[in-house]
Amino acid sequence: MTDRPLLLLDVDGPLNPFRSRLSGLRGYTSHRMWPEPWLTHQRPGSRRARRGVRVRLHPGHGARLTALPYELVWATAWMHQANEMISPHVGLPGDLPVIEWPEMFARDPDGLFWKTRPLLEWAAGRPFAWVDDMFTHRDRVYATARHDAPCLLLHVDPRRGLRPADFTALTEWADRL
């Protein structure tokens, strides 16, 4: 175990700005992939299932992420497939730890994002920064009130992905710990 804070990474939104137009993303490349969570929502044999989902990734993000003073962890519905499918395209190691969700996309009785409770349990009191596009103010309040260590929930616009200002915010937060 390390004393560095955790950096909990989502794929869709932060690394794959899926809501953008590719023409507006400098340095990104487009890939066709078939992640299990996506495939489970497709009709078997359909044209969409055969074509796969378009994923936009920036090959320089891995170097920028590994240069940060964090222990990197996948916090994504892609789970272990993030190591197999995403890591090679962004320059991350293919053996990052993965949060395994007990029930993906489950509706929370208090209106929290489905990842919030399991993510806090997984972090087990360690300081963390969580980079995602789906949590809300309610999740921030919940995490701050119930997590015994500092935490940063950094919202990333799914039209833009990780930006230089996000890397700066992550560095500055870790430096303040």
C-alpha atoms as a PDB file:
ATOM      1  CA  MET A   1       0.000   0.000   0.000  1.00  0.00           C
ATOM      2  CA  THR A   2       1.216   3.441  -0.838  1.00  0.00           C
ATOM      3  CA  ASP A   3       0.697   6.744   0.944  1.00  0.00           C
ATOM      4  CA  ARG A   4      -0.216   8.493  -2.311  1.00  0.00           C
ATOM      5  CA  PRO A   5      -3.885   9.407  -2.750  1.00  0.00           C
ATOM      6  CA  LEU A   6      -6.015   7.390  -5.149  1.00  0.00           C
ATOM      7  CA  LEU A   7      -7.042   8.774  -8.527  1.00  0.00           C
ATOM      8  CA  LEU A   8     -10.295   7.035  -9.431  1.00  0.00           C
ATOM      9  CA  LEU A   9     -10.774   7.249 -13.201  1.00  0.00           C
ATOM     10  CA  ASP A  10     -13.918   6.923 -15.238  1.00  0.00           C
ATOM     11  CA  VAL A  11     -13.575   6.213 -18.974  1.00  0.00           C
ATOM     12  CA  ASP A  12     -16.668   7.689 -20.642  1.00  0.00           C
ATOM     13  CA  GLY A  13     -16.624  11.434 -20.165  1.00  0.00           C
ATOM     14  CA  PRO A  14     -13.112  12.073 -18.813  1.00  0.00           C
ATOM     15  CA  LEU A  15     -11.030   9.921 -21.187  1.00  0.00           C
ATOM     16  CA  ASN A  16     -13.657   9.370 -23.884  1.00  0.00           C
ATOM     17  CA  PRO A  17     -15.489  12.678 -24.429  1.00  0.00           C
ATOM     18  CA  PHE A  18     -18.385  10.795 -25.996  1.00  0.00           C
ATOM     19  CA  ARG A  19     -20.674  13.807 -26.280  1.00  0.00           C
ATOM     20  CA  SER A  20     -18.324  15.864 -28.466  1.00  0.00           C
ATOM     21  CA  ARG A  21     -17.805  16.162 -32.166  1.00  0.00           C
ATOM     22  CA  LEU A  22     -14.473  14.565 -33.070  1.00  0.00           C
ATOM     23  CA  SER A  23     -13.546  17.586 -35.186  1.00  0.00           C
ATOM     24  CA  GLY A  24     -13.394  19.691 -32.021  1.00  0.00           C
ATOM     25  CA  LEU A  25     -10.988  17.380 -30.193  1.00  0.00           C
ATOM     26  CA  ARG A  26      -7.383  18.116 -31.014  1.00  0.00           C
ATOM     27  CA  GLY A  27      -5.081  15.096 -30.644  1.00  0.00           C
ATOM     28  CA  TYR A  28      -7.830  12.511 -30.097  1.00  0.00           C
ATOM     29  CA  THR A  29      -8.150   9.361 -32.164  1.00  0.00           C
ATOM     30  CA  SER A  30     -11.319   7.393 -32.797  1.00  0.00           C
ATOM     31  CA  HIS A  31     -11.588   3.636 -32.162  1.00  0.00           C
ATOM     32  CA  ARG A  32     -14.339   1.015 -32.490  1.00  0.00           C
ATOM     33  CA  MET A  33     -14.709  -1.160 -29.387  1.00  0.00           C
ATOM     34  CA  TRP A  34     -17.053  -3.755 -27.968  1.00  0.00           C
ATOM     35  CA  PRO A  35     -17.093  -3.349 -24.162  1.00  0.00           C
ATOM     36  CA  GLU A  36     -19.318  -5.807 -22.278  1.00  0.00           C
ATOM     37  CA  PRO A  37     -21.486  -3.199 -20.490  1.00  0.00           C
ATOM     38  CA  TRP A  38     -22.314  -1.601 -23.832  1.00  0.00           C
ATOM     39  CA  LEU A  39     -22.901  -4.937 -25.586  1.00  0.00           C
ATOM     40  CA  THR A  40     -25.405  -6.040 -22.944  1.00  0.00           C
ATOM     41  CA  HIS A  41     -27.647  -3.159 -24.056  1.00  0.00           C
ATOM     42  CA  GLN A  42     -27.473  -4.052 -27.757  1.00  0.00           C
ATOM     43  CA  ARG A  43     -29.585  -6.557 -29.658  1.00  0.00           C
ATOM     44  CA  PRO A  44     -27.318  -9.549 -30.471  1.00  0.00           C
ATOM     45  CA  GLY A  45     -26.350  -9.553 -34.132  1.00  0.00           C
ATOM     46  CA  SER A  46     -27.713  -6.050 -34.718  1.00  0.00           C
ATOM     47  CA  ARG A  47     -25.840  -3.615 -36.927  1.00  0.00           C
ATOM     48  CA  ARG A  48     -24.884  -1.538 -33.841  1.00  0.00           C
ATOM     49  CA  ALA A  49     -23.543  -4.599 -32.018  1.00  0.00           C
ATOM     50  CA  ARG A  50     -21.455  -5.581 -35.060  1.00  0.00           C
ATOM     51  CA  ARG A  51     -20.084  -2.047 -35.563  1.00  0.00           C
ATOM     52  CA  GLY A  52     -19.225  -1.472 -31.910  1.00  0.00           C
ATOM     53  CA  VAL A  53     -19.163   1.809 -30.082  1.00  0.00           C
ATOM     54  CA  ARG A  54     -16.955   4.715 -31.138  1.00  0.00           C
ATOM     55  CA  VAL A  55     -14.482   5.655 -28.428  1.00  0.00           C
ATOM     56  CA  ARG A  56     -12.388   8.827 -28.659  1.00  0.00           C
ATOM     57  CA  LEU A  57      -9.089   8.740 -26.796  1.00  0.00           C
ATOM     58  CA  HIS A  58      -6.058  10.976 -26.453  1.00  0.00           C
ATOM     59  CA  PRO A  59      -2.738   9.075 -26.626  1.00  0.00           C
ATOM     60  CA  GLY A  60      -1.051  11.653 -24.372  1.00  0.00           C
ATOM     61  CA  HIS A  61      -3.392  11.246 -21.415  1.00  0.00           C
ATOM     62  CA  GLY A  62      -1.561   8.224 -19.993  1.00  0.00           C
ATOM     63  CA  ALA A  63       1.725  10.091 -19.597  1.00  0.00           C
ATOM     64  CA  ARG A  64      -0.034  13.045 -17.971  1.00  0.00           C
ATOM     65  CA  LEU A  65      -1.976  10.787 -15.607  1.00  0.00           C
ATOM     66  CA  THR A  66       1.011   8.689 -14.552  1.00  0.00           C
ATOM     67  CA  ALA A  67       3.003  11.886 -13.887  1.00  0.00           C
ATOM     68  CA  LEU A  68       0.436  12.912 -11.267  1.00  0.00           C
ATOM     69  CA  PRO A  69       1.213  12.099  -7.599  1.00  0.00           C
ATOM     70  CA  TYR A  70      -1.547   9.463  -7.359  1.00  0.00           C
ATOM     71  CA  GLU A  71      -2.139   5.743  -7.427  1.00  0.00           C
ATOM     72  CA  LEU A  72      -4.335   5.238 -10.507  1.00  0.00           C
ATOM     73  CA  VAL A  73      -7.459   3.065 -10.262  1.00  0.00           C
ATOM     74  CA  TRP A  74     -10.194   2.380 -12.809  1.00  0.00           C
ATOM     75  CA  ALA A  75     -13.625   3.495 -11.521  1.00  0.00           C
ATOM     76  CA  THR A  76     -15.614   2.721 -14.654  1.00  0.00           C
ATOM     77  CA  ALA A  77     -18.339   0.444 -15.937  1.00  0.00           C
ATOM     78  CA  TRP A  78     -15.661  -0.878 -18.310  1.00  0.00           C
ATOM     79  CA  MET A  79     -14.059  -2.483 -15.220  1.00  0.00           C
ATOM     80  CA  HIS A  80     -11.202  -4.851 -16.268  1.00  0.00           C
ATOM     81  CA  GLN A  81     -11.805  -4.155 -19.942  1.00  0.00           C
ATOM     82  CA  ALA A  82     -10.422  -0.651 -19.323  1.00  0.00           C
ATOM     83  CA  ASN A  83      -6.990  -2.252 -18.855  1.00  0.00           C
ATOM     84  CA  GLU A  84      -7.400  -4.281 -22.044  1.00  0.00           C
ATOM     85  CA  MET A  85      -9.123  -1.774 -24.338  1.00  0.00           C
ATOM     86  CA  ILE A  86      -8.386   1.737 -23.048  1.00  0.00           C
ATOM     87  CA  SER A  87      -4.901   1.551 -21.491  1.00  0.00           C
ATOM     88  CA  PRO A  88      -3.043   0.690 -24.735  1.00  0.00           C
ATOM     89  CA  HIS A  89      -4.587   3.663 -26.574  1.00  0.00           C
ATOM     90  CA  VAL A  90      -3.833   6.276 -23.904  1.00  0.00           C
ATOM     91  CA  GLY A  91      -0.461   4.989 -22.716  1.00  0.00           C
ATOM     92  CA  LEU A  92      -1.430   3.622 -19.302  1.00  0.00           C
ATOM     93  CA  PRO A  93      -0.146   0.371 -17.801  1.00  0.00           C
ATOM     94  CA  GLY A  94      -2.441  -2.568 -18.520  1.00  0.00           C
ATOM     95  CA  ASP A  95      -2.607  -3.723 -14.912  1.00  0.00           C
ATOM     96  CA  LEU A  96      -4.245  -0.862 -13.023  1.00  0.00           C
ATOM     97  CA  PRO A  97      -6.463  -1.827 -10.077  1.00  0.00           C
ATOM     98  CA  VAL A  98     -10.179  -1.902 -10.871  1.00  0.00           C
ATOM     99  CA  ILE A  99     -13.205  -1.173  -8.719  1.00  0.00           C
ATOM    100  CA  GLU A 100     -15.617  -4.045  -9.288  1.00  0.00           C
ATOM    101  CA  TRP A 101     -19.148  -2.761  -8.933  1.00  0.00           C
ATOM    102  CA  PRO A 102     -21.590  -4.981  -7.055  1.00  0.00           C
ATOM    103  CA  GLU A 103     -24.497  -3.810  -9.227  1.00  0.00           C
ATOM    104  CA  MET A 104     -23.957  -1.483 -12.152  1.00  0.00           C
ATOM    105  CA  PHE A 105     -26.508   1.196 -12.965  1.00  0.00           C
ATOM    106  CA  ALA A 106     -28.568   0.421  -9.828  1.00  0.00           C
ATOM    107  CA  ARG A 107     -30.988   3.125  -8.727  1.00  0.00           C
ATOM    108  CA  ASP A 108     -29.937   4.544  -5.349  1.00  0.00           C
ATOM    109  CA  PRO A 109     -32.718   5.122  -2.793  1.00  0.00           C
ATOM    110  CA  ASP A 110     -31.255   8.537  -1.875  1.00  0.00           C
ATOM    111  CA  GLY A 111     -30.715   9.679  -5.459  1.00  0.00           C
ATOM    112  CA  LEU A 112     -26.938   9.213  -5.423  1.00  0.00           C
ATOM    113  CA  PHE A 113     -25.010   8.215  -8.523  1.00  0.00           C
ATOM    114  CA  TRP A 114     -24.829   4.398  -8.666  1.00  0.00           C
ATOM    115  CA  LYS A 115     -21.032   4.426  -8.215  1.00  0.00           C
ATOM    116  CA  THR A 116     -20.883   6.643  -5.119  1.00  0.00           C
ATOM    117  CA  ARG A 117     -21.545   4.220  -2.253  1.00  0.00           C
ATOM    118  CA  PRO A 118     -19.435   1.332  -3.612  1.00  0.00           C
ATOM    119  CA  LEU A 119     -16.618   3.735  -4.497  1.00  0.00           C
ATOM    120  CA  LEU A 120     -16.458   5.129  -0.952  1.00  0.00           C
ATOM    121  CA  GLU A 121     -16.471   1.612   0.452  1.00  0.00           C
ATOM    122  CA  TRP A 122     -13.661   0.592  -1.929  1.00  0.00           C
ATOM    123  CA  ALA A 123     -11.552   3.654  -1.012  1.00  0.00           C
ATOM    124  CA  ALA A 124     -11.739   2.494   2.626  1.00  0.00           C
ATOM    125  CA  GLY A 125     -10.788   5.810   4.218  1.00  0.00           C
ATOM    126  CA  ARG A 126      -7.903   6.665   1.862  1.00  0.00           C
ATOM    127  CA  PRO A 127      -7.669  10.140   0.322  1.00  0.00           C
ATOM    128  CA  PHE A 128      -8.909  10.132  -3.259  1.00  0.00           C
ATOM    129  CA  ALA A 129      -9.739  12.252  -6.263  1.00  0.00           C
ATOM    130  CA  TRP A 130     -12.569  10.914  -8.408  1.00  0.00           C
ATOM    131  CA  VAL A 131     -12.751  12.014 -12.044  1.00  0.00           C
ATOM    132  CA  ASP A 132     -16.177  11.420 -13.605  1.00  0.00           C
ATOM    133  CA  ASP A 133     -18.909  13.169 -15.570  1.00  0.00           C
ATOM    134  CA  MET A 134     -21.974  11.781 -13.790  1.00  0.00           C
ATOM    135  CA  PHE A 135     -21.910  12.629 -10.097  1.00  0.00           C
ATOM    136  CA  THR A 136     -23.861  15.564  -8.698  1.00  0.00           C
ATOM    137  CA  HIS A 137     -23.709  17.994  -5.810  1.00  0.00           C
ATOM    138  CA  ARG A 138     -25.603  15.414  -3.742  1.00  0.00           C
ATOM    139  CA  ASP A 139     -22.752  12.907  -4.276  1.00  0.00           C
ATOM    140  CA  ARG A 140     -20.171  15.534  -3.241  1.00  0.00           C
ATOM    141  CA  VAL A 141     -22.045  16.276  -0.023  1.00  0.00           C
ATOM    142  CA  TYR A 142     -22.478  12.567   0.714  1.00  0.00           C
ATOM    143  CA  ALA A 143     -18.792  11.762   0.086  1.00  0.00           C
ATOM    144  CA  THR A 144     -17.538  14.687   2.157  1.00  0.00           C
ATOM    145  CA  ALA A 145     -19.807  13.788   5.080  1.00  0.00           C
ATOM    146  CA  ARG A 146     -19.114  10.042   5.073  1.00  0.00           C
ATOM    147  CA  HIS A 147     -15.522   9.610   3.946  1.00  0.00           C
ATOM    148  CA  ASP A 148     -12.904   9.779   6.710  1.00  0.00           C
ATOM    149  CA  ALA A 149     -10.171  11.245   4.507  1.00  0.00           C
ATOM    150  CA  PRO A 150      -9.948  14.157   2.081  1.00  0.00           C
ATOM    151  CA  CYS A 151     -11.719  13.593  -1.227  1.00  0.00           C
ATOM    152  CA  LEU A 152     -12.060  15.562  -4.424  1.00  0.00           C
ATOM    153  CA  LEU A 153     -14.893  14.871  -6.845  1.00  0.00           C
ATOM    154  CA  LEU A 154     -13.751  16.468 -10.111  1.00  0.00           C
ATOM    155  CA  HIS A 155     -16.531  16.755 -12.664  1.00  0.00           C
ATOM    156  CA  VAL A 156     -15.397  16.514 -16.296  1.00  0.00           C
ATOM    157  CA  ASP A 157     -17.545  17.747 -19.165  1.00  0.00           C
ATOM    158  CA  PRO A 158     -18.285  14.730 -21.438  1.00  0.00           C
ATOM    159  CA  ARG A 159     -18.094  17.025 -24.473  1.00  0.00           C
ATOM    160  CA  ARG A 160     -14.521  18.059 -23.691  1.00  0.00           C
ATOM    161  CA  GLY A 161     -12.863  15.263 -21.678  1.00  0.00           C
ATOM    162  CA  LEU A 162      -9.887  15.896 -19.427  1.00  0.00           C
ATOM    163  CA  ARG A 163      -8.464  19.370 -20.026  1.00  0.00           C
ATOM    164  CA  PRO A 164      -5.223  21.021 -18.865  1.00  0.00           C
ATOM    165  CA  ALA A 165      -7.149  22.784 -16.079  1.00  0.00           C
ATOM    166  CA  ASP A 166      -8.261  19.383 -14.743  1.00  0.00           C
ATOM    167  CA  PHE A 167      -4.669  18.151 -14.535  1.00  0.00           C
ATOM    168  CA  THR A 168      -3.747  21.387 -12.735  1.00  0.00           C
ATOM    169  CA  ALA A 169      -6.625  20.959 -10.278  1.00  0.00           C
ATOM    170  CA  LEU A 170      -5.588  17.369  -9.554  1.00  0.00           C
ATOM    171  CA  THR A 171      -1.959  18.364  -8.983  1.00  0.00           C
ATOM    172  CA  GLU A 172      -2.840  21.290  -6.723  1.00  0.00           C
ATOM    173  CA  TRP A 173      -5.257  19.199  -4.646  1.00  0.00           C
ATOM    174  CA  ALA A 174      -2.673  16.439  -4.126  1.00  0.00           C
ATOM    175  CA  ASP A 175      -0.011  19.029  -3.213  1.00  0.00           C
ATOM    176  CA  ARG A 176      -2.286  20.400  -0.471  1.00  0.00           C
ATOM    177  CA  LEU A 177      -2.628  16.996   1.233  1.00  0.00           C
END
